[in-house]
Amino acid sequence: MSTVLAFAPKPETVSELIDEYMAAYAGRDRSIGYRLSTWATLLGPVRLDAITDDHVFEALERFASEPARIWAGHDADGRTIYRRRADRKSPATVNRYHVALSAVFTWAMRKRRVAKTFENPCRKIERQKESPGRVRFLAEDERARLFEAARSARWPRLYALVLLAVTTGARRSELTGLRWADIDFDRAEAHVHETKNDEPKVLPLVPAVLDELRRFQAEDLAAFRIGMPSRRVFHSRVRPDVAYNFEPHWRQALKDARVSHFRFHDLRHTCASYLAQSGASLLEIADVLGHRQLTMTKRYSHLTTGTKKALTMRVLGELK
C-alpha cells in the first residue's frame, strides 16, 4: 500500500481524507472499503475544518433509519443474495460504521493530516447499546443428524469442514483459507495466518479431523503433484486457488438433518457452548475462539454456572 507523503497537500473534505486513508490502509478488514464508501456518501463534501459531532450524529441517524440488507445465501453462480428488512439497522451495525469513521479521524490526527486543533467528532457520540447476541448451538440429537447428513453430502469434504468448525471454533473464512502447508499432521495442528483480529493462531486438530484430512490429502497429492502444499484444503473443483462454494450443500445438509434457524457461524457458537458446559472458563473459551476481549465471550457465561458453583463450593464451601 502507498503511504501519504509529508509534503502532500492536506485533505480538505471528509471524502478526500477517506481516499487518503484507503490508499494507506494495510489492514485485512475486507468490509472497511464498503463502510467508508457509505461515509463518503453521507459526509463526503463536509470540510474537515467545519465538521462537528452534530454532522456525524445526524449522518448516523440517517444511516440507522435505512432498511437493513440481510445476507440470504448465494445464487447458482455463487453470487451473494440479500433480502431487505423494513426496519432500522441494528445497533451493532451502526456501531461498526461509527468505529470505521472514528478510525479514519484518529489516523488523520496521528499522521498530521489535519490541523493540530482538530478533535475527533466521533468520540463525542455514544455507541448504541447492543443486544447480547444470538447464541444458537446444536443439541446432541441435532449434531448427530447434521454430521450424518454432512457425511452423505454430494460434496465429500463437507463433513470434514463441519467437524473442523465444531472442534476448533474457527471462523468460516479461517477454515476455507487453510492450505495444505498449514496442516501439521505430526503435531495435530493447523496454522491460521489471517484472522479477523490480524493475529495468527493455531488450531488443535482432533483425531477424527486428522483422519478426514488425510483422505483428502491423498486425493490432492494425486491430482496436484506440483505446488500441492499451496493448494487450499477446501478448494474449488474448477479453480483450486479459490475456496469451494459449499453453501448449497450446507443448506441441503441442514434440510436433511431437520436443523432449522441455524447458520454456519453457529458451529462456532456450538464449540464455545460445548466447552462452557464441560467446565471451561470464559478465559479459556476466549483463547480458543480468538476473542481479544471477554465481553464477546460473556454470552456463554450462563452455561458455566455449574463450573462457578463447583469452584465456589471447593474454595469457600467450608466457611462458617
C-alpha atoms as a PDB file:
ATOM      1  CA  MET A   1       0.000   0.000   0.000  1.00  0.00           C
ATOM      2  CA  SER A   2       1.143   3.518  -0.722  1.00  0.00           C
ATOM      3  CA  THR A   3       1.770   5.996   2.076  1.00  0.00           C
ATOM      4  CA  VAL A   4       0.979   9.686   2.343  1.00  0.00           C
ATOM      5  CA  LEU A   5       3.982  11.957   1.762  1.00  0.00           C
ATOM      6  CA  ALA A   6       4.663  14.563   4.423  1.00  0.00           C
ATOM      7  CA  PHE A   7       4.687  17.389   1.863  1.00  0.00           C
ATOM      8  CA  ALA A   8       1.430  16.340   0.148  1.00  0.00           C
ATOM      9  CA  PRO A   9      -1.395  18.871   0.386  1.00  0.00           C
ATOM     10  CA  LYS A  10      -3.634  18.096   3.325  1.00  0.00           C
ATOM     11  CA  PRO A  11      -7.154  16.872   2.556  1.00  0.00           C
ATOM     12  CA  GLU A  12      -9.884  19.443   2.891  1.00  0.00           C
ATOM     13  CA  THR A  13     -13.017  17.294   2.955  1.00  0.00           C
ATOM     14  CA  VAL A  14     -14.099  14.036   4.578  1.00  0.00           C
ATOM     15  CA  SER A  15     -14.182  12.373   1.158  1.00  0.00           C
ATOM     16  CA  GLU A  16     -10.579  13.364   0.405  1.00  0.00           C
ATOM     17  CA  LEU A  17      -9.473  12.120   3.823  1.00  0.00           C
ATOM     18  CA  ILE A  18     -11.187   8.769   3.271  1.00  0.00           C
ATOM     19  CA  ASP A  19      -9.413   8.409  -0.069  1.00  0.00           C
ATOM     20  CA  GLU A  20      -6.047   9.019   1.620  1.00  0.00           C
ATOM     21  CA  TYR A  21      -6.851   6.581   4.407  1.00  0.00           C
ATOM     22  CA  MET A  22      -7.812   3.808   1.997  1.00  0.00           C
ATOM     23  CA  ALA A  23      -4.673   4.417  -0.094  1.00  0.00           C
ATOM     24  CA  ALA A  24      -2.556   3.858   3.012  1.00  0.00           C
ATOM     25  CA  TYR A  25      -4.704   1.101   4.554  1.00  0.00           C
ATOM     26  CA  ALA A  26      -2.786  -2.127   5.167  1.00  0.00           C
ATOM     27  CA  GLY A  27      -5.298  -3.981   7.342  1.00  0.00           C
ATOM     28  CA  ARG A  28      -7.246  -7.123   6.496  1.00  0.00           C
ATOM     29  CA  ASP A  29     -10.790  -5.946   7.162  1.00  0.00           C
ATOM     30  CA  ARG A  30     -12.439  -6.533   3.792  1.00  0.00           C
ATOM     31  CA  SER A  31     -15.535  -4.574   4.799  1.00  0.00           C
ATOM     32  CA  ILE A  32     -13.732  -1.313   5.556  1.00  0.00           C
ATOM     33  CA  GLY A  33     -13.907  -0.056   1.982  1.00  0.00           C
ATOM     34  CA  TYR A  34     -17.655  -0.588   1.792  1.00  0.00           C
ATOM     35  CA  ARG A  35     -18.260   1.099   5.143  1.00  0.00           C
ATOM     36  CA  LEU A  36     -16.152   4.122   4.294  1.00  0.00           C
ATOM     37  CA  SER A  37     -17.766   4.470   0.876  1.00  0.00           C
ATOM     38  CA  THR A  38     -21.033   4.886   2.784  1.00  0.00           C
ATOM     39  CA  TRP A  39     -19.443   7.650   4.851  1.00  0.00           C
ATOM     40  CA  ALA A  40     -18.137   9.286   1.688  1.00  0.00           C
ATOM     41  CA  THR A  41     -21.749   9.467   0.512  1.00  0.00           C
ATOM     42  CA  LEU A  42     -23.091  10.699   3.847  1.00  0.00           C
ATOM     43  CA  LEU A  43     -20.403  13.227   4.782  1.00  0.00           C
ATOM     44  CA  GLY A  44     -18.072  13.430   1.779  1.00  0.00           C
ATOM     45  CA  PRO A  45     -18.440  17.147   0.932  1.00  0.00           C
ATOM     46  CA  VAL A  46     -18.180  18.317   4.567  1.00  0.00           C
ATOM     47  CA  ARG A  47     -14.972  20.263   5.193  1.00  0.00           C
ATOM     48  CA  LEU A  48     -12.656  18.921   7.903  1.00  0.00           C
ATOM     49  CA  ASP A  49     -12.244  22.390   9.425  1.00  0.00           C
ATOM     50  CA  ALA A  50     -16.018  22.617   9.856  1.00  0.00           C
ATOM     51  CA  ILE A  51     -17.116  19.096  10.802  1.00  0.00           C
ATOM     52  CA  THR A  52     -18.703  18.625  14.221  1.00  0.00           C
ATOM     53  CA  ASP A  53     -20.210  15.813  16.214  1.00  0.00           C
ATOM     54  CA  ASP A  54     -23.624  17.063  15.051  1.00  0.00           C
ATOM     55  CA  HIS A  55     -22.708  16.174  11.465  1.00  0.00           C
ATOM     56  CA  VAL A  56     -21.716  12.655  12.484  1.00  0.00           C
ATOM     57  CA  PHE A  57     -24.716  12.189  14.767  1.00  0.00           C
ATOM     58  CA  GLU A  58     -27.216  13.246  12.092  1.00  0.00           C
ATOM     59  CA  ALA A  59     -25.496  11.067   9.486  1.00  0.00           C
ATOM     60  CA  LEU A  60     -25.595   8.070  11.829  1.00  0.00           C
ATOM     61  CA  GLU A  61     -29.301   8.647  12.411  1.00  0.00           C
ATOM     62  CA  ARG A  62     -29.982   8.736   8.674  1.00  0.00           C
ATOM     63  CA  PHE A  63     -27.912   5.612   8.156  1.00  0.00           C
ATOM     64  CA  ALA A  64     -29.603   3.749  11.014  1.00  0.00           C
ATOM     65  CA  SER A  65     -33.088   4.564   9.724  1.00  0.00           C
ATOM     66  CA  GLU A  66     -32.459   2.931   6.342  1.00  0.00           C
ATOM     67  CA  PRO A  67     -33.720  -0.658   5.827  1.00  0.00           C
ATOM     68  CA  ALA A  68     -31.101  -3.273   6.542  1.00  0.00           C
ATOM     69  CA  ARG A  69     -29.808  -5.684   3.920  1.00  0.00           C
ATOM     70  CA  ILE A  70     -29.633  -9.197   5.317  1.00  0.00           C
ATOM     71  CA  TRP A  71     -27.448 -11.906   3.809  1.00  0.00           C
ATOM     72  CA  ALA A  72     -29.595 -14.715   2.398  1.00  0.00           C
ATOM     73  CA  GLY A  73     -27.045 -17.027   0.740  1.00  0.00           C
ATOM     74  CA  HIS A  74     -25.729 -17.424  -2.798  1.00  0.00           C
ATOM     75  CA  ASP A  75     -27.365 -17.972  -6.143  1.00  0.00           C
ATOM     76  CA  ALA A  76     -26.435 -20.722  -8.617  1.00  0.00           C
ATOM     77  CA  ASP A  77     -23.450 -18.706  -9.830  1.00  0.00           C
ATOM     78  CA  GLY A  78     -22.108 -18.150  -6.337  1.00  0.00           C
ATOM     79  CA  ARG A  79     -23.151 -14.504  -6.159  1.00  0.00           C
ATOM     80  CA  THR A  80     -24.283 -13.130  -2.804  1.00  0.00           C
ATOM     81  CA  ILE A  81     -28.036 -12.715  -2.328  1.00  0.00           C
ATOM     82  CA  TYR A  82     -29.531 -10.170   0.066  1.00  0.00           C
ATOM     83  CA  ARG A  83     -33.058  -9.652   1.276  1.00  0.00           C
ATOM     84  CA  ARG A  84     -34.353  -6.352   2.596  1.00  0.00           C
ATOM     85  CA  ARG A  85     -35.838  -5.815   6.020  1.00  0.00           C
ATOM     86  CA  ALA A  86     -38.257  -2.930   6.615  1.00  0.00           C
ATOM     87  CA  ASP A  87     -36.810  -1.597   9.852  1.00  0.00           C
ATOM     88  CA  ARG A  88     -33.775   0.252  11.176  1.00  0.00           C
ATOM     89  CA  LYS A  89     -30.296  -1.160  11.061  1.00  0.00           C
ATOM     90  CA  SER A  90     -29.195  -2.961  14.195  1.00  0.00           C
ATOM     91  CA  PRO A  91     -27.197  -1.122  16.887  1.00  0.00           C
ATOM     92  CA  ALA A  92     -24.273  -3.464  16.178  1.00  0.00           C
ATOM     93  CA  THR A  93     -24.202  -2.440  12.513  1.00  0.00           C
ATOM     94  CA  VAL A  94     -24.410   1.268  13.353  1.00  0.00           C
ATOM     95  CA  ASN A  95     -21.570   0.879  15.857  1.00  0.00           C
ATOM     96  CA  ARG A  96     -19.345  -0.814  13.278  1.00  0.00           C
ATOM     97  CA  TYR A  97     -19.773   2.125  10.903  1.00  0.00           C
ATOM     98  CA  HIS A  98     -19.215   4.540  13.782  1.00  0.00           C
ATOM     99  CA  VAL A  99     -15.917   2.815  14.625  1.00  0.00           C
ATOM    100  CA  ALA A 100     -14.805   2.814  10.977  1.00  0.00           C
ATOM    101  CA  LEU A 101     -15.189   6.596  10.644  1.00  0.00           C
ATOM    102  CA  SER A 102     -13.569   7.213  14.015  1.00  0.00           C
ATOM    103  CA  ALA A 103     -10.556   5.175  12.898  1.00  0.00           C
ATOM    104  CA  VAL A 104     -10.131   7.461   9.877  1.00  0.00           C
ATOM    105  CA  PHE A 105     -10.085  10.595  12.041  1.00  0.00           C
ATOM    106  CA  THR A 106      -7.703   9.008  14.555  1.00  0.00           C
ATOM    107  CA  TRP A 107      -5.350   8.027  11.716  1.00  0.00           C
ATOM    108  CA  ALA A 108      -5.507  11.545  10.301  1.00  0.00           C
ATOM    109  CA  MET A 109      -4.544  13.062  13.654  1.00  0.00           C
ATOM    110  CA  ARG A 110      -1.685  10.593  14.138  1.00  0.00           C
ATOM    111  CA  LYS A 111      -0.343  11.230  10.608  1.00  0.00           C
ATOM    112  CA  ARG A 112      -0.727  15.010  10.948  1.00  0.00           C
ATOM    113  CA  ARG A 113      -3.158  15.112   8.032  1.00  0.00           C
ATOM    114  CA  VAL A 114      -5.460  17.509   9.904  1.00  0.00           C
ATOM    115  CA  ALA A 115      -4.882  20.662  11.905  1.00  0.00           C
ATOM    116  CA  LYS A 116      -3.401  20.284  15.399  1.00  0.00           C
ATOM    117  CA  THR A 117      -6.597  21.735  16.856  1.00  0.00           C
ATOM    118  CA  PHE A 118      -8.732  19.034  15.186  1.00  0.00           C
ATOM    119  CA  GLU A 119     -10.804  16.866  17.537  1.00  0.00           C
ATOM    120  CA  ASN A 120     -12.286  13.521  16.560  1.00  0.00           C
ATOM    121  CA  PRO A 121     -16.051  14.252  16.415  1.00  0.00           C
ATOM    122  CA  CYS A 122     -16.906  10.547  16.764  1.00  0.00           C
ATOM    123  CA  ARG A 123     -15.602  10.491  20.322  1.00  0.00           C
ATOM    124  CA  LYS A 124     -18.383  12.808  21.445  1.00  0.00           C
ATOM    125  CA  ILE A 125     -21.083  10.348  20.343  1.00  0.00           C
ATOM    126  CA  GLU A 126     -22.056   7.387  22.485  1.00  0.00           C
ATOM    127  CA  ARG A 127     -22.146   3.947  20.944  1.00  0.00           C
ATOM    128  CA  GLN A 128     -25.554   2.345  20.696  1.00  0.00           C
ATOM    129  CA  LYS A 129     -26.363  -0.373  23.183  1.00  0.00           C
ATOM    130  CA  GLU A 130     -26.077  -3.766  21.530  1.00  0.00           C
ATOM    131  CA  SER A 131     -28.009  -6.903  22.364  1.00  0.00           C
ATOM    132  CA  PRO A 132     -26.016  -9.765  23.948  1.00  0.00           C
ATOM    133  CA  GLY A 133     -26.006 -11.512  20.591  1.00  0.00           C
ATOM    134  CA  ARG A 134     -27.680 -14.593  19.216  1.00  0.00           C
ATOM    135  CA  VAL A 135     -26.346 -17.877  20.602  1.00  0.00           C
ATOM    136  CA  ARG A 136     -27.652 -20.919  18.767  1.00  0.00           C
ATOM    137  CA  PHE A 137     -25.843 -24.193  19.208  1.00  0.00           C
ATOM    138  CA  LEU A 138     -26.509 -27.786  18.249  1.00  0.00           C
ATOM    139  CA  ALA A 139     -28.275 -30.089  20.676  1.00  0.00           C
ATOM    140  CA  GLU A 140     -26.824 -33.615  20.748  1.00  0.00           C
ATOM    141  CA  ASP A 141     -29.523 -35.091  18.507  1.00  0.00           C
ATOM    142  CA  GLU A 142     -29.164 -32.209  16.045  1.00  0.00           C
ATOM    143  CA  ARG A 143     -25.414 -32.674  15.941  1.00  0.00           C
ATOM    144  CA  ALA A 144     -25.752 -36.392  15.217  1.00  0.00           C
ATOM    145  CA  ARG A 145     -28.234 -35.755  12.387  1.00  0.00           C
ATOM    146  CA  LEU A 146     -26.164 -32.918  10.891  1.00  0.00           C
ATOM    147  CA  PHE A 147     -22.958 -34.943  10.958  1.00  0.00           C
ATOM    148  CA  GLU A 148     -24.727 -37.823   9.220  1.00  0.00           C
ATOM    149  CA  ALA A 149     -26.176 -35.502   6.578  1.00  0.00           C
ATOM    150  CA  ALA A 150     -22.758 -33.908   6.029  1.00  0.00           C
ATOM    151  CA  ARG A 151     -21.185 -37.339   5.530  1.00  0.00           C
ATOM    152  CA  SER A 152     -23.765 -38.071   2.823  1.00  0.00           C
ATOM    153  CA  ALA A 153     -23.423 -34.699   1.066  1.00  0.00           C
ATOM    154  CA  ARG A 154     -22.594 -34.555  -2.651  1.00  0.00           C
ATOM    155  CA  TRP A 155     -19.501 -32.532  -1.768  1.00  0.00           C
ATOM    156  CA  PRO A 156     -17.292 -35.104   0.021  1.00  0.00           C
ATOM    157  CA  ARG A 157     -15.444 -32.551   2.157  1.00  0.00           C
ATOM    158  CA  LEU A 158     -18.466 -31.034   3.862  1.00  0.00           C
ATOM    159  CA  TYR A 159     -18.247 -33.349   6.878  1.00  0.00           C
ATOM    160  CA  ALA A 160     -14.570 -32.513   7.388  1.00  0.00           C
ATOM    161  CA  LEU A 161     -15.340 -28.785   7.239  1.00  0.00           C
ATOM    162  CA  VAL A 162     -18.271 -29.026   9.658  1.00  0.00           C
ATOM    163  CA  LEU A 163     -16.278 -31.196  12.063  1.00  0.00           C
ATOM    164  CA  LEU A 164     -13.390 -28.723  11.927  1.00  0.00           C
ATOM    165  CA  ALA A 165     -15.729 -25.847  12.719  1.00  0.00           C
ATOM    166  CA  VAL A 166     -17.285 -27.592  15.721  1.00  0.00           C
ATOM    167  CA  THR A 167     -13.998 -28.836  17.188  1.00  0.00           C
ATOM    168  CA  THR A 168     -11.918 -25.684  16.672  1.00  0.00           C
ATOM    169  CA  GLY A 169     -14.429 -22.838  16.902  1.00  0.00           C
ATOM    170  CA  ALA A 170     -12.683 -21.203  13.938  1.00  0.00           C
ATOM    171  CA  ARG A 171     -14.444 -18.753  11.663  1.00  0.00           C
ATOM    172  CA  ARG A 172     -15.633 -19.739   8.215  1.00  0.00           C
ATOM    173  CA  SER A 173     -13.008 -17.645   6.435  1.00  0.00           C
ATOM    174  CA  GLU A 174     -10.244 -19.079   8.609  1.00  0.00           C
ATOM    175  CA  LEU A 175     -11.210 -22.623   7.674  1.00  0.00           C
ATOM    176  CA  THR A 176     -11.765 -22.063   3.956  1.00  0.00           C
ATOM    177  CA  GLY A 177      -8.449 -20.209   3.823  1.00  0.00           C
ATOM    178  CA  LEU A 178      -6.444 -23.192   5.078  1.00  0.00           C
ATOM    179  CA  ARG A 179      -3.863 -24.637   2.701  1.00  0.00           C
ATOM    180  CA  TRP A 180      -2.140 -27.994   2.920  1.00  0.00           C
ATOM    181  CA  ALA A 181       1.079 -26.271   4.001  1.00  0.00           C
ATOM    182  CA  ASP A 182      -0.823 -25.023   7.067  1.00  0.00           C
ATOM    183  CA  ILE A 183      -1.664 -28.556   8.266  1.00  0.00           C
ATOM    184  CA  ASP A 184       0.893 -30.178  10.597  1.00  0.00           C
ATOM    185  CA  PHE A 185      -0.166 -33.818  10.878  1.00  0.00           C
ATOM    186  CA  ASP A 186       2.682 -34.704  13.260  1.00  0.00           C
ATOM    187  CA  ARG A 187       1.706 -32.025  15.786  1.00  0.00           C
ATOM    188  CA  ALA A 188      -2.031 -32.307  15.052  1.00  0.00           C
ATOM    189  CA  GLU A 189      -2.292 -28.570  14.363  1.00  0.00           C
ATOM    190  CA  ALA A 190      -3.488 -26.170  11.706  1.00  0.00           C
ATOM    191  CA  HIS A 191      -1.905 -22.742  11.379  1.00  0.00           C
ATOM    192  CA  VAL A 192      -4.192 -19.820  10.532  1.00  0.00           C
ATOM    193  CA  HIS A 193      -2.188 -16.888   9.197  1.00  0.00           C
ATOM    194  CA  GLU A 194      -5.010 -14.411   8.561  1.00  0.00           C
ATOM    195  CA  THR A 195      -7.649 -13.834  11.221  1.00  0.00           C
ATOM    196  CA  LYS A 196     -10.257 -11.190  11.907  1.00  0.00           C
ATOM    197  CA  ASN A 197      -8.024  -9.762  14.648  1.00  0.00           C
ATOM    198  CA  ASP A 198      -4.908  -9.797  12.429  1.00  0.00           C
ATOM    199  CA  GLU A 199      -3.259 -12.236  14.841  1.00  0.00           C
ATOM    200  CA  PRO A 200      -2.131 -15.683  13.640  1.00  0.00           C
ATOM    201  CA  LYS A 201      -3.389 -18.620  15.669  1.00  0.00           C
ATOM    202  CA  VAL A 202      -3.029 -22.371  15.913  1.00  0.00           C
ATOM    203  CA  LEU A 203      -5.990 -24.757  15.755  1.00  0.00           C
ATOM    204  CA  PRO A 204      -5.696 -28.116  17.555  1.00  0.00           C
ATOM    205  CA  LEU A 205      -6.923 -30.967  15.357  1.00  0.00           C
ATOM    206  CA  VAL A 206      -8.777 -33.883  16.932  1.00  0.00           C
ATOM    207  CA  PRO A 207      -8.099 -37.431  15.623  1.00  0.00           C
ATOM    208  CA  ALA A 208     -11.343 -37.620  13.612  1.00  0.00           C
ATOM    209  CA  VAL A 209     -10.437 -34.422  11.754  1.00  0.00           C
ATOM    210  CA  LEU A 210      -6.933 -35.709  11.019  1.00  0.00           C
ATOM    211  CA  ASP A 211      -8.386 -38.913   9.583  1.00  0.00           C
ATOM    212  CA  GLU A 212     -10.655 -36.939   7.256  1.00  0.00           C
ATOM    213  CA  LEU A 213      -7.858 -34.628   6.154  1.00  0.00           C
ATOM    214  CA  ARG A 214      -5.503 -37.498   5.391  1.00  0.00           C
ATOM    215  CA  ARG A 215      -8.052 -38.933   2.949  1.00  0.00           C
ATOM    216  CA  PHE A 216      -8.304 -35.699   1.029  1.00  0.00           C
ATOM    217  CA  GLN A 217      -4.573 -35.051   1.213  1.00  0.00           C
ATOM    218  CA  ALA A 218      -4.016 -38.315  -0.677  1.00  0.00           C
ATOM    219  CA  GLU A 219      -6.558 -37.242  -3.310  1.00  0.00           C
ATOM    220  CA  ASP A 220      -4.925 -33.861  -3.799  1.00  0.00           C
ATOM    221  CA  LEU A 221      -1.447 -35.361  -3.939  1.00  0.00           C
ATOM    222  CA  ALA A 222      -2.576 -37.469  -6.868  1.00  0.00           C
ATOM    223  CA  ALA A 223      -4.283 -34.537  -8.600  1.00  0.00           C
ATOM    224  CA  PHE A 224      -1.828 -31.719  -7.829  1.00  0.00           C
ATOM    225  CA  ARG A 225       1.680 -33.087  -7.597  1.00  0.00           C
ATOM    226  CA  ILE A 226       3.191 -29.708  -8.439  1.00  0.00           C
ATOM    227  CA  GLY A 227       2.567 -26.962  -5.889  1.00  0.00           C
ATOM    228  CA  MET A 228       0.266 -29.140  -3.815  1.00  0.00           C
ATOM    229  CA  PRO A 229       1.266 -27.588  -0.410  1.00  0.00           C
ATOM    230  CA  SER A 230      -0.023 -24.199  -1.588  1.00  0.00           C
ATOM    231  CA  ARG A 231      -3.424 -25.608  -2.581  1.00  0.00           C
ATOM    232  CA  ARG A 232      -6.434 -24.876  -0.432  1.00  0.00           C
ATOM    233  CA  VAL A 233      -7.745 -27.789   1.609  1.00  0.00           C
ATOM    234  CA  PHE A 234     -11.323 -26.868   0.686  1.00  0.00           C
ATOM    235  CA  HIS A 235     -10.679 -25.758  -2.880  1.00  0.00           C
ATOM    236  CA  SER A 236     -12.945 -25.170  -5.831  1.00  0.00           C
ATOM    237  CA  ARG A 237     -13.148 -28.049  -8.275  1.00  0.00           C
ATOM    238  CA  VAL A 238     -12.623 -25.674 -11.189  1.00  0.00           C
ATOM    239  CA  ARG A 239     -10.176 -23.232  -9.607  1.00  0.00           C
ATOM    240  CA  PRO A 240      -8.043 -24.855  -6.883  1.00  0.00           C
ATOM    241  CA  ASP A 241      -6.672 -21.451  -5.899  1.00  0.00           C
ATOM    242  CA  VAL A 242     -10.056 -20.288  -4.540  1.00  0.00           C
ATOM    243  CA  ALA A 243     -12.345 -21.680  -1.863  1.00  0.00           C
ATOM    244  CA  TYR A 244     -15.168 -24.029  -2.809  1.00  0.00           C
ATOM    245  CA  ASN A 245     -18.693 -22.590  -2.700  1.00  0.00           C
ATOM    246  CA  PHE A 246     -20.213 -25.178  -0.358  1.00  0.00           C
ATOM    247  CA  GLU A 247     -23.311 -23.146   0.536  1.00  0.00           C
ATOM    248  CA  PRO A 248     -25.819 -25.243  -1.497  1.00  0.00           C
ATOM    249  CA  HIS A 249     -24.530 -28.474   0.079  1.00  0.00           C
ATOM    250  CA  TRP A 250     -24.572 -26.917   3.555  1.00  0.00           C
ATOM    251  CA  ARG A 251     -28.182 -25.817   3.187  1.00  0.00           C
ATOM    252  CA  GLN A 252     -29.193 -29.227   1.871  1.00  0.00           C
ATOM    253  CA  ALA A 253     -27.484 -30.899   4.823  1.00  0.00           C
ATOM    254  CA  LEU A 254     -29.405 -28.661   7.242  1.00  0.00           C
ATOM    255  CA  LYS A 255     -32.631 -29.598   5.484  1.00  0.00           C
ATOM    256  CA  ASP A 256     -31.839 -33.324   5.501  1.00  0.00           C
ATOM    257  CA  ALA A 257     -30.887 -33.143   9.186  1.00  0.00           C
ATOM    258  CA  ARG A 258     -34.051 -31.203  10.076  1.00  0.00           C
ATOM    259  CA  VAL A 259     -31.994 -28.443  11.706  1.00  0.00           C
ATOM    260  CA  SER A 260     -33.696 -25.071  11.407  1.00  0.00           C
ATOM    261  CA  HIS A 261     -32.672 -21.473  12.114  1.00  0.00           C
ATOM    262  CA  PHE A 262     -29.003 -22.387  12.005  1.00  0.00           C
ATOM    263  CA  ARG A 263     -26.087 -20.671  10.285  1.00  0.00           C
ATOM    264  CA  PHE A 264     -22.584 -21.943   9.592  1.00  0.00           C
ATOM    265  CA  HIS A 265     -21.315 -19.368  12.103  1.00  0.00           C
ATOM    266  CA  ASP A 266     -23.413 -21.127  14.752  1.00  0.00           C
ATOM    267  CA  LEU A 267     -20.951 -24.024  14.587  1.00  0.00           C
ATOM    268  CA  ARG A 268     -18.546 -21.600  16.278  1.00  0.00           C
ATOM    269  CA  HIS A 269     -21.159 -20.973  18.974  1.00  0.00           C
ATOM    270  CA  THR A 270     -21.595 -24.732  19.266  1.00  0.00           C
ATOM    271  CA  CYS A 271     -17.898 -25.197  20.003  1.00  0.00           C
ATOM    272  CA  ALA A 272     -17.927 -22.471  22.662  1.00  0.00           C
ATOM    273  CA  SER A 273     -21.134 -23.771  24.234  1.00  0.00           C
ATOM    274  CA  TYR A 274     -19.797 -27.329  24.472  1.00  0.00           C
ATOM    275  CA  LEU A 275     -16.613 -26.010  26.107  1.00  0.00           C
ATOM    276  CA  ALA A 276     -18.627 -23.944  28.600  1.00  0.00           C
ATOM    277  CA  GLN A 277     -20.863 -26.876  29.506  1.00  0.00           C
ATOM    278  CA  SER A 278     -17.789 -29.069  30.034  1.00  0.00           C
ATOM    279  CA  GLY A 279     -16.228 -26.750  32.602  1.00  0.00           C
ATOM    280  CA  ALA A 280     -14.030 -24.427  30.537  1.00  0.00           C
ATOM    281  CA  SER A 281     -13.625 -20.924  31.931  1.00  0.00           C
ATOM    282  CA  LEU A 282     -14.558 -17.840  29.952  1.00  0.00           C
ATOM    283  CA  LEU A 283     -10.863 -17.036  29.618  1.00  0.00           C
ATOM    284  CA  GLU A 284     -10.177 -20.470  28.133  1.00  0.00           C
ATOM    285  CA  ILE A 285     -13.115 -20.136  25.727  1.00  0.00           C
ATOM    286  CA  ALA A 286     -11.896 -16.692  24.651  1.00  0.00           C
ATOM    287  CA  ASP A 287      -8.482 -18.175  23.928  1.00  0.00           C
ATOM    288  CA  VAL A 288      -9.965 -20.932  21.757  1.00  0.00           C
ATOM    289  CA  LEU A 289     -12.208 -18.538  19.811  1.00  0.00           C
ATOM    290  CA  GLY A 290      -9.576 -15.836  19.476  1.00  0.00           C
ATOM    291  CA  HIS A 291     -11.567 -13.137  21.279  1.00  0.00           C
ATOM    292  CA  ARG A 292      -9.497 -10.141  22.281  1.00  0.00           C
ATOM    293  CA  GLN A 293     -11.977  -9.067  24.931  1.00  0.00           C
ATOM    294  CA  LEU A 294     -14.048 -11.136  27.349  1.00  0.00           C
ATOM    295  CA  THR A 295     -17.129  -9.051  26.568  1.00  0.00           C
ATOM    296  CA  MET A 296     -17.641 -11.169  23.448  1.00  0.00           C
ATOM    297  CA  THR A 297     -17.262 -14.376  25.439  1.00  0.00           C
ATOM    298  CA  LYS A 298     -19.668 -13.433  28.224  1.00  0.00           C
ATOM    299  CA  ARG A 299     -22.598 -14.513  26.062  1.00  0.00           C
ATOM    300  CA  TYR A 300     -21.704 -18.067  27.136  1.00  0.00           C
ATOM    301  CA  SER A 301     -21.493 -17.232  30.848  1.00  0.00           C
ATOM    302  CA  HIS A 302     -24.913 -18.714  31.612  1.00  0.00           C
ATOM    303  CA  LEU A 303     -23.564 -22.098  30.514  1.00  0.00           C
ATOM    304  CA  THR A 304     -20.715 -22.000  33.037  1.00  0.00           C
ATOM    305  CA  THR A 305     -22.948 -21.812  36.129  1.00  0.00           C
ATOM    306  CA  GLY A 306     -22.081 -25.356  37.163  1.00  0.00           C
ATOM    307  CA  THR A 307     -18.358 -24.634  36.976  1.00  0.00           C
ATOM    308  CA  LYS A 308     -18.679 -21.469  39.047  1.00  0.00           C
ATOM    309  CA  LYS A 309     -20.760 -23.305  41.620  1.00  0.00           C
ATOM    310  CA  ALA A 310     -18.197 -26.118  41.901  1.00  0.00           C
ATOM    311  CA  LEU A 311     -15.372 -23.557  42.295  1.00  0.00           C
ATOM    312  CA  THR A 312     -17.255 -21.655  44.991  1.00  0.00           C
ATOM    313  CA  MET A 313     -18.024 -24.821  46.946  1.00  0.00           C
ATOM    314  CA  ARG A 314     -14.433 -26.097  46.675  1.00  0.00           C
ATOM    315  CA  VAL A 315     -12.819 -22.844  47.849  1.00  0.00           C
ATOM    316  CA  LEU A 316     -15.448 -21.288  50.072  1.00  0.00           C
ATOM    317  CA  GLY A 317     -17.811 -24.109  50.940  1.00  0.00           C
ATOM    318  CA  GLU A 318     -16.299 -24.777  54.389  1.00  0.00           C
ATOM    319  CA  LEU A 319     -16.520 -21.179  55.599  1.00  0.00           C
ATOM    320  CA  LYS A 320     -18.867 -20.605  58.561  1.00  0.00           C
END
